[in-house]
Amino acid sequence: MSDNQTEHSESDEELFEHYRIQADPGQDPLRIDKFLMDRIPNTSRTKLQDAAIEGNIRVNDQKVKANYKVKPDDDISIVLPYPKREIELIPENIPLDILYEDDHMIILNKSSNMVVHPGYGNYTGTMVNALIHHFENLPEAKGAIPGRPGLVHRLDKNTTGVMVIAKTERALANLSLQFFERTIDRRYVALAWGDIEEDGMIEGHIGRSLKNRKVMTVFPEGDYGKEARTRYKVLERLTYVTLVECKLETGRTHQIRAHFQHINHPLFNDPEYGGNKILKGTQFSKYKQFVMNNFDMLPRQALHARKLELTHPHTGERMNFESEIPADLSAVLERWRNYISHR
């Protein structure tokens, strides 16, 4: 072994694998810095390019440059010369609304203003903190991001409704596969701005916004982001807003919120996607006050995960769980009905 090889081997021992990502079998050629921007939270293209320059991005165990084009089934890893910050999971006695529980899984009705898992800026007070207080040991999937034990999906902080949590490794693997194969049926109700005339499907790749990394954007051309499809049907038209049911055919971050903004019907009072302004209606001050009062009553995006249908990971039984529309959204819907009926 040459001196250079020895030096290379010794430096590798000090590197820590922070992320490992497998490219999809149908992955289109895409620069690796763009590819990773959509998959690694709280990063930037500049940081990724710097990591590539330092030799910290590897594909199939080989160092690559930032302009490397990702290919189908590539095994991509990011290794950095310092350990990833471990998030300490602290049990907290936070009330949970439990719809169902057995030895394999737990079905929760998530409240608004609750972050699902600890992360940057939210290290306590999360659903995971409450769960580890509720039962001592939750499984963590191989390669999962630390701080998300037992989680196979999530809801945004201010989205309410049904969630499933795995309690065993077997259940976690089984439920994760059901989500991957899209055999789990998820139905949401959403109140969107505008008069949506008919049922339909929204299609368009979703990826992190190139202008604001905190939100997602639809990329219709499909050269960035991940494929996303949202099927919806109209439940109730209220002239200036429409109540819809959404069926997720893919599960992307902020999928419903980004898709409805894309078709110019952002969700009612959704601050990140432009729904917290008066987008439809009259110019009368009485109407404006009415909308602002509704915003006060529903201080979040009008989105609720109403139904979750899955196959039990142990018994194989098909099970259906539902959550009633929460009080804040229900009250705003009733106010809209009364307003429209008395116009």
C-alpha atoms as a PDB file:
ATOM      1  CA  MET A   1       0.000   0.000   0.000  1.00  0.00           C
ATOM      2  CA  SER A   2       1.374   3.411  -0.968  1.00  0.00           C
ATOM      3  CA  ASP A   3       1.684   6.356   1.430  1.00  0.00           C
ATOM      4  CA  ASN A   4      -1.189   8.117  -0.334  1.00  0.00           C
ATOM      5  CA  GLN A   5      -3.429   5.100   0.067  1.00  0.00           C
ATOM      6  CA  THR A   6      -2.578   4.866   3.766  1.00  0.00           C
ATOM      7  CA  GLU A   7      -3.391   8.533   4.314  1.00  0.00           C
ATOM      8  CA  HIS A   8      -6.703   8.124   2.468  1.00  0.00           C
ATOM      9  CA  SER A   9      -7.678   5.128   4.583  1.00  0.00           C
ATOM     10  CA  GLU A  10      -6.882   6.893   7.853  1.00  0.00           C
ATOM     11  CA  SER A  11      -8.923   9.962   6.925  1.00  0.00           C
ATOM     12  CA  ASP A  12     -11.917   7.791   5.999  1.00  0.00           C
ATOM     13  CA  GLU A  13     -12.044   6.411   9.523  1.00  0.00           C
ATOM     14  CA  GLU A  14     -12.894   9.884  10.801  1.00  0.00           C
ATOM     15  CA  LEU A  15     -15.807  10.398   8.423  1.00  0.00           C
ATOM     16  CA  PHE A  16     -19.426   9.916   9.488  1.00  0.00           C
ATOM     17  CA  GLU A  17     -22.227   8.933   7.130  1.00  0.00           C
ATOM     18  CA  HIS A  18     -24.952  11.538   7.545  1.00  0.00           C
ATOM     19  CA  TYR A  19     -27.333  10.556   4.750  1.00  0.00           C
ATOM     20  CA  ARG A  20     -27.706   7.519   2.524  1.00  0.00           C
ATOM     21  CA  ILE A  21     -30.152   7.727  -0.381  1.00  0.00           C
ATOM     22  CA  GLN A  22     -31.004   5.194  -3.064  1.00  0.00           C
ATOM     23  CA  ALA A  23     -32.033   6.685  -6.425  1.00  0.00           C
ATOM     24  CA  ASP A  24     -35.251   5.328  -7.912  1.00  0.00           C
ATOM     25  CA  PRO A  25     -35.055   2.739 -10.733  1.00  0.00           C
ATOM     26  CA  GLY A  26     -36.688   5.292 -13.056  1.00  0.00           C
ATOM     27  CA  GLN A  27     -34.547   8.257 -11.997  1.00  0.00           C
ATOM     28  CA  ASP A  28     -33.950  10.744 -14.824  1.00  0.00           C
ATOM     29  CA  PRO A  29     -30.417  12.169 -15.157  1.00  0.00           C
ATOM     30  CA  LEU A  30     -30.155  15.106 -12.742  1.00  0.00           C
ATOM     31  CA  ARG A  31     -27.220  16.986 -11.223  1.00  0.00           C
ATOM     32  CA  ILE A  32     -26.505  15.541  -7.817  1.00  0.00           C
ATOM     33  CA  ASP A  33     -26.582  18.926  -6.061  1.00  0.00           C
ATOM     34  CA  LYS A  34     -30.115  19.512  -7.364  1.00  0.00           C
ATOM     35  CA  PHE A  35     -31.086  15.925  -6.524  1.00  0.00           C
ATOM     36  CA  LEU A  36     -29.918  16.254  -2.908  1.00  0.00           C
ATOM     37  CA  MET A  37     -31.438  19.697  -2.323  1.00  0.00           C
ATOM     38  CA  ASP A  38     -34.893  18.131  -2.518  1.00  0.00           C
ATOM     39  CA  ARG A  39     -34.016  15.320  -0.116  1.00  0.00           C
ATOM     40  CA  ILE A  40     -31.945  16.868   2.658  1.00  0.00           C
ATOM     41  CA  PRO A  41     -33.642  19.350   5.010  1.00  0.00           C
ATOM     42  CA  ASN A  42     -32.110  22.675   5.978  1.00  0.00           C
ATOM     43  CA  THR A  43     -29.433  22.674   3.303  1.00  0.00           C
ATOM     44  CA  SER A  44     -28.535  24.774   0.275  1.00  0.00           C
ATOM     45  CA  ARG A  45     -27.015  24.145  -3.100  1.00  0.00           C
ATOM     46  CA  THR A  46     -23.889  26.041  -2.049  1.00  0.00           C
ATOM     47  CA  LYS A  47     -23.392  23.777   0.964  1.00  0.00           C
ATOM     48  CA  LEU A  48     -23.814  20.697  -1.202  1.00  0.00           C
ATOM     49  CA  GLN A  49     -21.346  22.020  -3.774  1.00  0.00           C
ATOM     50  CA  ASP A  50     -18.837  22.696  -0.990  1.00  0.00           C
ATOM     51  CA  ALA A  51     -19.373  19.154   0.305  1.00  0.00           C
ATOM     52  CA  ALA A  52     -18.654  17.800  -3.181  1.00  0.00           C
ATOM     53  CA  ILE A  53     -15.475  19.877  -3.457  1.00  0.00           C
ATOM     54  CA  GLU A  54     -14.302  18.392  -0.149  1.00  0.00           C
ATOM     55  CA  GLY A  55     -15.001  14.889  -1.454  1.00  0.00           C
ATOM     56  CA  ASN A  56     -17.869  14.296   0.960  1.00  0.00           C
ATOM     57  CA  ILE A  57     -20.481  13.253  -1.601  1.00  0.00           C
ATOM     58  CA  ARG A  58     -20.107   9.707  -2.833  1.00  0.00           C
ATOM     59  CA  VAL A  59     -21.980   7.602  -5.357  1.00  0.00           C
ATOM     60  CA  ASN A  60     -21.514   3.859  -5.183  1.00  0.00           C
ATOM     61  CA  ASP A  61     -18.633   4.541  -2.743  1.00  0.00           C
ATOM     62  CA  GLN A  62     -16.857   6.847  -5.223  1.00  0.00           C
ATOM     63  CA  LYS A  63     -16.366  10.585  -4.681  1.00  0.00           C
ATOM     64  CA  VAL A  64     -18.225  12.705  -7.231  1.00  0.00           C
ATOM     65  CA  LYS A  65     -18.378  16.374  -8.210  1.00  0.00           C
ATOM     66  CA  ALA A  66     -21.467  18.558  -7.887  1.00  0.00           C
ATOM     67  CA  ASN A  67     -22.221  18.240 -11.600  1.00  0.00           C
ATOM     68  CA  TYR A  68     -22.407  14.435 -11.485  1.00  0.00           C
ATOM     69  CA  LYS A  69     -25.657  13.231 -13.060  1.00  0.00           C
ATOM     70  CA  VAL A  70     -27.576  10.862 -10.814  1.00  0.00           C
ATOM     71  CA  LYS A  71     -28.516   7.583 -12.536  1.00  0.00           C
ATOM     72  CA  PRO A  72     -31.134   4.931 -11.723  1.00  0.00           C
ATOM     73  CA  ASP A  73     -30.376   2.885  -8.574  1.00  0.00           C
ATOM     74  CA  ASP A  74     -27.347   4.998  -7.612  1.00  0.00           C
ATOM     75  CA  ASP A  75     -26.344   4.485  -3.972  1.00  0.00           C
ATOM     76  CA  ILE A  76     -25.636   8.016  -2.721  1.00  0.00           C
ATOM     77  CA  SER A  77     -24.117   8.940   0.623  1.00  0.00           C
ATOM     78  CA  ILE A  78     -22.935  12.122   2.269  1.00  0.00           C
ATOM     79  CA  VAL A  79     -20.029  11.711   4.675  1.00  0.00           C
ATOM     80  CA  LEU A  80     -18.775  14.563   6.813  1.00  0.00           C
ATOM     81  CA  PRO A  81     -15.832  14.817   9.223  1.00  0.00           C
ATOM     82  CA  TYR A  82     -17.987  15.348  12.311  1.00  0.00           C
ATOM     83  CA  PRO A  83     -20.811  13.348  13.910  1.00  0.00           C
ATOM     84  CA  LYS A  84     -24.412  14.309  13.254  1.00  0.00           C
ATOM     85  CA  ARG A  85     -26.100  16.057  16.172  1.00  0.00           C
ATOM     86  CA  GLU A  86     -28.081  13.465  18.084  1.00  0.00           C
ATOM     87  CA  ILE A  87     -31.505  14.597  19.271  1.00  0.00           C
ATOM     88  CA  GLU A  88     -32.201  13.513  22.822  1.00  0.00           C
ATOM     89  CA  LEU A  89     -35.706  12.106  23.066  1.00  0.00           C
ATOM     90  CA  ILE A  90     -37.224  13.275  26.333  1.00  0.00           C
ATOM     91  CA  PRO A  91     -40.465  11.661  27.547  1.00  0.00           C
ATOM     92  CA  GLU A  92     -43.112  14.308  28.171  1.00  0.00           C
ATOM     93  CA  ASN A  93     -46.559  13.876  29.671  1.00  0.00           C
ATOM     94  CA  ILE A  94     -48.490  15.446  26.810  1.00  0.00           C
ATOM     95  CA  PRO A  95     -52.112  14.283  26.299  1.00  0.00           C
ATOM     96  CA  LEU A  96     -52.735  12.127  23.217  1.00  0.00           C
ATOM     97  CA  ASP A  97     -56.093  11.499  21.533  1.00  0.00           C
ATOM     98  CA  ILE A  98     -55.875   7.743  20.929  1.00  0.00           C
ATOM     99  CA  LEU A  99     -58.416   6.252  18.520  1.00  0.00           C
ATOM    100  CA  TYR A 100     -57.060   2.688  18.621  1.00  0.00           C
ATOM    101  CA  GLU A 101     -54.146   0.804  20.154  1.00  0.00           C
ATOM    102  CA  ASP A 102     -52.897  -2.778  20.305  1.00  0.00           C
ATOM    103  CA  ASP A 103     -49.515  -4.497  20.647  1.00  0.00           C
ATOM    104  CA  HIS A 104     -48.526  -3.588  17.080  1.00  0.00           C
ATOM    105  CA  MET A 105     -49.690  -0.057  16.324  1.00  0.00           C
ATOM    106  CA  ILE A 106     -51.391   3.010  17.675  1.00  0.00           C
ATOM    107  CA  ILE A 107     -53.839   5.258  15.800  1.00  0.00           C
ATOM    108  CA  LEU A 108     -53.821   8.895  16.897  1.00  0.00           C
ATOM    109  CA  ASN A 109     -56.035  11.868  16.244  1.00  0.00           C
ATOM    110  CA  LYS A 110     -53.448  14.648  15.952  1.00  0.00           C
ATOM    111  CA  SER A 111     -54.366  18.082  17.247  1.00  0.00           C
ATOM    112  CA  SER A 112     -53.349  21.340  15.630  1.00  0.00           C
ATOM    113  CA  ASN A 113     -50.234  23.236  16.691  1.00  0.00           C
ATOM    114  CA  MET A 114     -48.372  19.990  17.398  1.00  0.00           C
ATOM    115  CA  VAL A 115     -45.095  19.140  15.686  1.00  0.00           C
ATOM    116  CA  VAL A 116     -44.811  15.415  14.979  1.00  0.00           C
ATOM    117  CA  HIS A 117     -41.105  14.854  15.685  1.00  0.00           C
ATOM    118  CA  PRO A 118     -38.200  16.739  17.267  1.00  0.00           C
ATOM    119  CA  GLY A 119     -36.001  18.715  14.913  1.00  0.00           C
ATOM    120  CA  TYR A 120     -34.414  22.084  14.375  1.00  0.00           C
ATOM    121  CA  GLY A 121     -36.223  24.581  16.626  1.00  0.00           C
ATOM    122  CA  ASN A 122     -38.573  21.930  18.061  1.00  0.00           C
ATOM    123  CA  TYR A 123     -36.698  19.680  20.465  1.00  0.00           C
ATOM    124  CA  THR A 124     -39.520  19.296  23.003  1.00  0.00           C
ATOM    125  CA  GLY A 125     -43.299  19.310  23.085  1.00  0.00           C
ATOM    126  CA  THR A 126     -43.646  17.074  20.021  1.00  0.00           C
ATOM    127  CA  MET A 127     -45.825  14.040  19.376  1.00  0.00           C
ATOM    128  CA  VAL A 128     -42.778  11.777  19.658  1.00  0.00           C
ATOM    129  CA  ASN A 129     -41.990  13.195  23.107  1.00  0.00           C
ATOM    130  CA  ALA A 130     -45.557  12.331  24.122  1.00  0.00           C
ATOM    131  CA  LEU A 131     -45.370   8.865  22.568  1.00  0.00           C
ATOM    132  CA  ILE A 132     -42.192   7.788  24.327  1.00  0.00           C
ATOM    133  CA  HIS A 133     -43.841   8.811  27.588  1.00  0.00           C
ATOM    134  CA  HIS A 134     -46.902   6.736  26.630  1.00  0.00           C
ATOM    135  CA  PHE A 135     -44.886   3.586  25.944  1.00  0.00           C
ATOM    136  CA  GLU A 136     -41.250   3.055  26.667  1.00  0.00           C
ATOM    137  CA  ASN A 137     -39.735   1.719  23.450  1.00  0.00           C
ATOM    138  CA  LEU A 138     -40.603   2.696  19.912  1.00  0.00           C
ATOM    139  CA  PRO A 139     -38.846   1.084  16.955  1.00  0.00           C
ATOM    140  CA  GLU A 140     -36.693   3.145  14.669  1.00  0.00           C
ATOM    141  CA  ALA A 141     -36.394   2.129  11.034  1.00  0.00           C
ATOM    142  CA  LYS A 142     -32.958   1.366   9.620  1.00  0.00           C
ATOM    143  CA  GLY A 143     -31.610   4.594   8.174  1.00  0.00           C
ATOM    144  CA  ALA A 144     -34.404   6.695   9.688  1.00  0.00           C
ATOM    145  CA  ILE A 145     -33.705  10.283  10.678  1.00  0.00           C
ATOM    146  CA  PRO A 146     -33.008  10.384  14.435  1.00  0.00           C
ATOM    147  CA  GLY A 147     -35.961  11.657  16.424  1.00  0.00           C
ATOM    148  CA  ARG A 148     -38.642   9.898  14.379  1.00  0.00           C
ATOM    149  CA  PRO A 149     -39.013   6.490  16.063  1.00  0.00           C
ATOM    150  CA  GLY A 150     -42.050   4.483  14.989  1.00  0.00           C
ATOM    151  CA  LEU A 151     -43.151   7.042  12.426  1.00  0.00           C
ATOM    152  CA  VAL A 152     -44.114   5.888   8.944  1.00  0.00           C
ATOM    153  CA  HIS A 153     -45.719   9.189   7.888  1.00  0.00           C
ATOM    154  CA  ARG A 154     -46.415  12.594   9.338  1.00  0.00           C
ATOM    155  CA  LEU A 155     -48.795  15.531   9.277  1.00  0.00           C
ATOM    156  CA  ASP A 156     -47.771  19.179   9.167  1.00  0.00           C
ATOM    157  CA  LYS A 157     -47.697  21.058  12.466  1.00  0.00           C
ATOM    158  CA  ASN A 158     -51.121  22.672  12.015  1.00  0.00           C
ATOM    159  CA  THR A 159     -52.810  19.875  10.073  1.00  0.00           C
ATOM    160  CA  THR A 160     -55.145  17.780  12.209  1.00  0.00           C
ATOM    161  CA  GLY A 161     -56.353  14.209  11.909  1.00  0.00           C
ATOM    162  CA  VAL A 162     -55.537  10.509  11.777  1.00  0.00           C
ATOM    163  CA  MET A 163     -52.007   9.126  12.049  1.00  0.00           C
ATOM    164  CA  VAL A 164     -50.618   5.619  12.515  1.00  0.00           C
ATOM    165  CA  ILE A 165     -47.559   4.844  14.679  1.00  0.00           C
ATOM    166  CA  ALA A 166     -45.776   1.468  14.651  1.00  0.00           C
ATOM    167  CA  LYS A 167     -44.950  -0.174  17.981  1.00  0.00           C
ATOM    168  CA  THR A 168     -42.739  -3.028  16.744  1.00  0.00           C
ATOM    169  CA  GLU A 169     -40.016  -3.406  14.136  1.00  0.00           C
ATOM    170  CA  ARG A 170     -42.212  -5.798  12.174  1.00  0.00           C
ATOM    171  CA  ALA A 171     -45.139  -3.386  12.181  1.00  0.00           C
ATOM    172  CA  LEU A 172     -42.868  -0.518  11.156  1.00  0.00           C
ATOM    173  CA  ALA A 173     -41.515  -2.476   8.197  1.00  0.00           C
ATOM    174  CA  ASN A 174     -44.993  -3.654   7.159  1.00  0.00           C
ATOM    175  CA  LEU A 175     -46.675  -0.257   7.381  1.00  0.00           C
ATOM    176  CA  SER A 176     -43.760   1.456   5.627  1.00  0.00           C
ATOM    177  CA  LEU A 177     -44.148  -1.004   2.748  1.00  0.00           C
ATOM    178  CA  GLN A 178     -47.885  -0.283   2.567  1.00  0.00           C
ATOM    179  CA  PHE A 179     -47.148   3.433   2.251  1.00  0.00           C
ATOM    180  CA  PHE A 180     -44.456   2.749  -0.348  1.00  0.00           C
ATOM    181  CA  GLU A 181     -46.774   0.530  -2.395  1.00  0.00           C
ATOM    182  CA  ARG A 182     -49.637   3.050  -1.933  1.00  0.00           C
ATOM    183  CA  THR A 183     -52.074   0.481  -0.566  1.00  0.00           C
ATOM    184  CA  ILE A 184     -52.931   2.750   2.369  1.00  0.00           C
ATOM    185  CA  ASP A 185     -55.927   4.956   1.577  1.00  0.00           C
ATOM    186  CA  ARG A 186     -55.669   8.470   3.000  1.00  0.00           C
ATOM    187  CA  ARG A 187     -58.496  10.986   2.662  1.00  0.00           C
ATOM    188  CA  TYR A 188     -58.312  14.629   3.715  1.00  0.00           C
ATOM    189  CA  VAL A 189     -60.880  17.389   3.817  1.00  0.00           C
ATOM    190  CA  ALA A 190     -59.742  20.880   2.892  1.00  0.00           C
ATOM    191  CA  LEU A 191     -61.383  24.260   2.584  1.00  0.00           C
ATOM    192  CA  ALA A 192     -59.945  26.029  -0.453  1.00  0.00           C
ATOM    193  CA  TRP A 193     -60.377  29.554  -1.765  1.00  0.00           C
ATOM    194  CA  GLY A 194     -62.560  30.004  -4.855  1.00  0.00           C
ATOM    195  CA  ASP A 195     -65.367  28.143  -6.573  1.00  0.00           C
ATOM    196  CA  ILE A 196     -63.971  24.791  -7.694  1.00  0.00           C
ATOM    197  CA  GLU A 197     -66.339  23.714 -10.431  1.00  0.00           C
ATOM    198  CA  GLU A 198     -65.711  19.979 -10.740  1.00  0.00           C
ATOM    199  CA  ASP A 199     -63.817  16.997  -9.399  1.00  0.00           C
ATOM    200  CA  GLY A 200     -60.332  16.446 -10.753  1.00  0.00           C
ATOM    201  CA  MET A 201     -56.715  15.410 -10.395  1.00  0.00           C
ATOM    202  CA  ILE A 202     -53.750  17.680  -9.747  1.00  0.00           C
ATOM    203  CA  GLU A 203     -50.444  16.433 -11.129  1.00  0.00           C
ATOM    204  CA  GLY A 204     -47.046  18.066 -10.970  1.00  0.00           C
ATOM    205  CA  HIS A 205     -43.667  17.318  -9.438  1.00  0.00           C
ATOM    206  CA  ILE A 206     -43.185  18.811  -5.983  1.00  0.00           C
ATOM    207  CA  GLY A 207     -39.843  19.993  -4.644  1.00  0.00           C
ATOM    208  CA  ARG A 208     -38.477  22.616  -2.297  1.00  0.00           C
ATOM    209  CA  SER A 209     -38.914  26.150  -3.571  1.00  0.00           C
ATOM    210  CA  LEU A 210     -35.790  27.574  -5.120  1.00  0.00           C
ATOM    211  CA  LYS A 211     -36.665  30.929  -3.519  1.00  0.00           C
ATOM    212  CA  ASN A 212     -37.879  29.848  -0.063  1.00  0.00           C
ATOM    213  CA  ARG A 213     -36.598  26.552   1.342  1.00  0.00           C
ATOM    214  CA  LYS A 214     -39.397  26.418   3.933  1.00  0.00           C
ATOM    215  CA  VAL A 215     -42.110  25.793   1.338  1.00  0.00           C
ATOM    216  CA  MET A 216     -42.660  23.458  -1.572  1.00  0.00           C
ATOM    217  CA  THR A 217     -43.311  24.350  -5.208  1.00  0.00           C
ATOM    218  CA  VAL A 218     -44.914  22.521  -8.106  1.00  0.00           C
ATOM    219  CA  PHE A 219     -42.627  21.990 -11.093  1.00  0.00           C
ATOM    220  CA  PRO A 220     -44.959  21.134 -14.000  1.00  0.00           C
ATOM    221  CA  GLU A 221     -42.126  20.265 -16.369  1.00  0.00           C
ATOM    222  CA  GLY A 222     -40.916  17.527 -14.033  1.00  0.00           C
ATOM    223  CA  ASP A 223     -37.224  18.446 -14.210  1.00  0.00           C
ATOM    224  CA  TYR A 224     -37.055  18.910 -10.432  1.00  0.00           C
ATOM    225  CA  GLY A 225     -38.801  17.477  -7.405  1.00  0.00           C
ATOM    226  CA  LYS A 226     -40.758  14.245  -7.069  1.00  0.00           C
ATOM    227  CA  GLU A 227     -43.814  13.039  -8.931  1.00  0.00           C
ATOM    228  CA  ALA A 228     -47.009  13.975  -7.072  1.00  0.00           C
ATOM    229  CA  ARG A 229     -50.704  13.327  -7.694  1.00  0.00           C
ATOM    230  CA  THR A 230     -53.698  14.541  -5.687  1.00  0.00           C
ATOM    231  CA  ARG A 231     -57.209  13.395  -6.621  1.00  0.00           C
ATOM    232  CA  TYR A 232     -60.046  15.543  -5.283  1.00  0.00           C
ATOM    233  CA  LYS A 233     -63.816  15.755  -5.313  1.00  0.00           C
ATOM    234  CA  VAL A 234     -66.064  18.656  -4.390  1.00  0.00           C
ATOM    235  CA  LEU A 235     -68.064  18.148  -1.209  1.00  0.00           C
ATOM    236  CA  GLU A 236     -69.670  21.567  -0.809  1.00  0.00           C
ATOM    237  CA  ARG A 237     -69.579  24.864  -2.712  1.00  0.00           C
ATOM    238  CA  LEU A 238     -69.861  28.023  -0.643  1.00  0.00           C
ATOM    239  CA  THR A 239     -69.462  30.585  -3.449  1.00  0.00           C
ATOM    240  CA  TYR A 240     -66.140  32.068  -2.336  1.00  0.00           C
ATOM    241  CA  VAL A 241     -64.692  28.895  -0.827  1.00  0.00           C
ATOM    242  CA  THR A 242     -65.094  25.191  -1.592  1.00  0.00           C
ATOM    243  CA  LEU A 243     -64.913  22.173   0.687  1.00  0.00           C
ATOM    244  CA  VAL A 244     -63.116  19.289  -1.031  1.00  0.00           C
ATOM    245  CA  GLU A 245     -62.055  15.756  -0.210  1.00  0.00           C
ATOM    246  CA  CYS A 246     -58.512  14.882  -1.281  1.00  0.00           C
ATOM    247  CA  LYS A 247     -57.116  11.417  -1.896  1.00  0.00           C
ATOM    248  CA  LEU A 248     -53.332  11.248  -1.872  1.00  0.00           C
ATOM    249  CA  GLU A 249     -51.921   9.044  -4.601  1.00  0.00           C
ATOM    250  CA  THR A 250     -48.405  10.050  -3.563  1.00  0.00           C
ATOM    251  CA  GLY A 251     -47.156  11.355  -0.223  1.00  0.00           C
ATOM    252  CA  ARG A 252     -45.014  14.452  -0.690  1.00  0.00           C
ATOM    253  CA  THR A 253     -44.267  17.158   1.855  1.00  0.00           C
ATOM    254  CA  HIS A 254     -47.039  19.803   1.821  1.00  0.00           C
ATOM    255  CA  GLN A 255     -48.557  18.008  -1.184  1.00  0.00           C
ATOM    256  CA  ILE A 256     -52.174  19.170  -0.881  1.00  0.00           C
ATOM    257  CA  ARG A 257     -51.186  22.687   0.134  1.00  0.00           C
ATOM    258  CA  ALA A 258     -48.726  23.126  -2.747  1.00  0.00           C
ATOM    259  CA  HIS A 259     -50.998  21.484  -5.330  1.00  0.00           C
ATOM    260  CA  PHE A 260     -54.005  23.673  -4.526  1.00  0.00           C
ATOM    261  CA  GLN A 261     -51.879  26.796  -4.604  1.00  0.00           C
ATOM    262  CA  HIS A 262     -50.677  25.634  -8.028  1.00  0.00           C
ATOM    263  CA  ILE A 263     -54.254  25.575  -9.401  1.00  0.00           C
ATOM    264  CA  ASN A 264     -54.940  29.006  -7.840  1.00  0.00           C
ATOM    265  CA  HIS A 265     -57.104  27.656  -5.024  1.00  0.00           C
ATOM    266  CA  PRO A 266     -54.844  27.905  -1.941  1.00  0.00           C
ATOM    267  CA  LEU A 267     -56.194  26.493   1.281  1.00  0.00           C
ATOM    268  CA  PHE A 268     -58.134  28.870   3.502  1.00  0.00           C
ATOM    269  CA  ASN A 269     -55.831  30.696   5.952  1.00  0.00           C
ATOM    270  CA  ASP A 270     -52.691  28.854   4.828  1.00  0.00           C
ATOM    271  CA  PRO A 271     -49.937  31.404   5.571  1.00  0.00           C
ATOM    272  CA  GLU A 272     -47.123  29.611   3.711  1.00  0.00           C
ATOM    273  CA  TYR A 273     -49.105  29.223   0.509  1.00  0.00           C
ATOM    274  CA  GLY A 274     -50.935  32.535   0.260  1.00  0.00           C
ATOM    275  CA  GLY A 275     -54.295  31.523   1.699  1.00  0.00           C
ATOM    276  CA  ASN A 276     -54.210  33.920   4.656  1.00  0.00           C
ATOM    277  CA  LYS A 277     -55.454  36.832   2.540  1.00  0.00           C
ATOM    278  CA  ILE A 278     -58.932  37.611   1.184  1.00  0.00           C
ATOM    279  CA  LEU A 279     -58.654  36.097  -2.278  1.00  0.00           C
ATOM    280  CA  LYS A 280     -62.330  35.903  -3.294  1.00  0.00           C
ATOM    281  CA  GLY A 281     -65.471  37.807  -2.455  1.00  0.00           C
ATOM    282  CA  THR A 282     -66.762  41.334  -2.260  1.00  0.00           C
ATOM    283  CA  GLN A 283     -65.144  44.650  -1.362  1.00  0.00           C
ATOM    284  CA  PHE A 284     -67.662  45.388   1.401  1.00  0.00           C
ATOM    285  CA  SER A 285     -66.101  46.024   4.796  1.00  0.00           C
ATOM    286  CA  LYS A 286     -68.688  43.726   6.425  1.00  0.00           C
ATOM    287  CA  TYR A 287     -67.477  40.823   4.264  1.00  0.00           C
ATOM    288  CA  LYS A 288     -63.823  41.593   4.970  1.00  0.00           C
ATOM    289  CA  GLN A 289     -64.527  41.592   8.706  1.00  0.00           C
ATOM    290  CA  PHE A 290     -66.395  38.304   8.356  1.00  0.00           C
ATOM    291  CA  VAL A 291     -63.351  36.671   6.718  1.00  0.00           C
ATOM    292  CA  MET A 292     -60.935  38.107   9.264  1.00  0.00           C
ATOM    293  CA  ASN A 293     -63.112  36.742  12.081  1.00  0.00           C
ATOM    294  CA  ASN A 294     -62.937  33.327  10.414  1.00  0.00           C
ATOM    295  CA  PHE A 295     -59.161  33.592  10.264  1.00  0.00           C
ATOM    296  CA  ASP A 296     -59.168  34.272  14.019  1.00  0.00           C
ATOM    297  CA  MET A 297     -61.398  31.256  14.658  1.00  0.00           C
ATOM    298  CA  LEU A 298     -59.229  28.990  12.471  1.00  0.00           C
ATOM    299  CA  PRO A 299     -55.645  30.244  12.956  1.00  0.00           C
ATOM    300  CA  ARG A 300     -54.141  27.603  10.651  1.00  0.00           C
ATOM    301  CA  GLN A 301     -54.518  26.031   7.226  1.00  0.00           C
ATOM    302  CA  ALA A 302     -57.965  24.446   6.736  1.00  0.00           C
ATOM    303  CA  LEU A 303     -56.737  20.870   6.300  1.00  0.00           C
ATOM    304  CA  HIS A 304     -57.792  17.746   8.180  1.00  0.00           C
ATOM    305  CA  ALA A 305     -56.779  14.105   7.701  1.00  0.00           C
ATOM    306  CA  ARG A 306     -60.217  12.533   8.065  1.00  0.00           C
ATOM    307  CA  LYS A 307     -59.688   8.914   7.015  1.00  0.00           C
ATOM    308  CA  LEU A 308     -56.941   6.312   7.117  1.00  0.00           C
ATOM    309  CA  GLU A 309     -57.540   2.816   5.755  1.00  0.00           C
ATOM    310  CA  LEU A 310     -54.803   0.195   6.082  1.00  0.00           C
ATOM    311  CA  THR A 311     -54.072  -3.499   6.471  1.00  0.00           C
ATOM    312  CA  HIS A 312     -53.227  -4.513  10.023  1.00  0.00           C
ATOM    313  CA  PRO A 313     -49.489  -5.344  10.069  1.00  0.00           C
ATOM    314  CA  HIS A 314     -50.013  -8.527  12.132  1.00  0.00           C
ATOM    315  CA  THR A 315     -53.504  -9.894  11.456  1.00  0.00           C
ATOM    316  CA  GLY A 316     -53.838  -8.835   7.808  1.00  0.00           C
ATOM    317  CA  GLU A 317     -57.285  -7.379   8.527  1.00  0.00           C
ATOM    318  CA  ARG A 318     -58.294  -4.327   6.514  1.00  0.00           C
ATOM    319  CA  MET A 319     -59.104  -1.525   8.968  1.00  0.00           C
ATOM    320  CA  ASN A 320     -60.606   1.915   8.588  1.00  0.00           C
ATOM    321  CA  PHE A 321     -60.157   4.820  11.004  1.00  0.00           C
ATOM    322  CA  GLU A 322     -61.886   8.189  10.826  1.00  0.00           C
ATOM    323  CA  SER A 323     -61.633  11.486  12.663  1.00  0.00           C
ATOM    324  CA  GLU A 324     -64.451  14.013  12.850  1.00  0.00           C
ATOM    325  CA  ILE A 325     -63.826  17.460  11.425  1.00  0.00           C
ATOM    326  CA  PRO A 326     -62.346  19.426  14.378  1.00  0.00           C
ATOM    327  CA  ALA A 327     -64.318  22.121  16.139  1.00  0.00           C
ATOM    328  CA  ASP A 328     -62.419  25.121  14.697  1.00  0.00           C
ATOM    329  CA  LEU A 329     -62.864  24.050  11.068  1.00  0.00           C
ATOM    330  CA  SER A 330     -66.444  22.911  11.680  1.00  0.00           C
ATOM    331  CA  ALA A 331     -67.350  26.292  13.172  1.00  0.00           C
ATOM    332  CA  VAL A 332     -65.877  28.193  10.213  1.00  0.00           C
ATOM    333  CA  LEU A 333     -67.767  25.979   7.756  1.00  0.00           C
ATOM    334  CA  GLU A 334     -71.019  26.705   9.568  1.00  0.00           C
ATOM    335  CA  ARG A 335     -70.300  30.445   9.487  1.00  0.00           C
ATOM    336  CA  TRP A 336     -69.704  30.278   5.726  1.00  0.00           C
ATOM    337  CA  ARG A 337     -72.987  28.393   5.236  1.00  0.00           C
ATOM    338  CA  ASN A 338     -74.889  31.000   7.214  1.00  0.00           C
ATOM    339  CA  TYR A 339     -73.192  33.862   5.392  1.00  0.00           C
ATOM    340  CA  ILE A 340     -73.949  32.477   1.920  1.00  0.00           C
ATOM    341  CA  SER A 341     -77.559  31.595   2.806  1.00  0.00           C
ATOM    342  CA  HIS A 342     -78.254  35.188   3.935  1.00  0.00           C
ATOM    343  CA  ARG A 343     -76.542  36.996   1.050  1.00  0.00           C
END
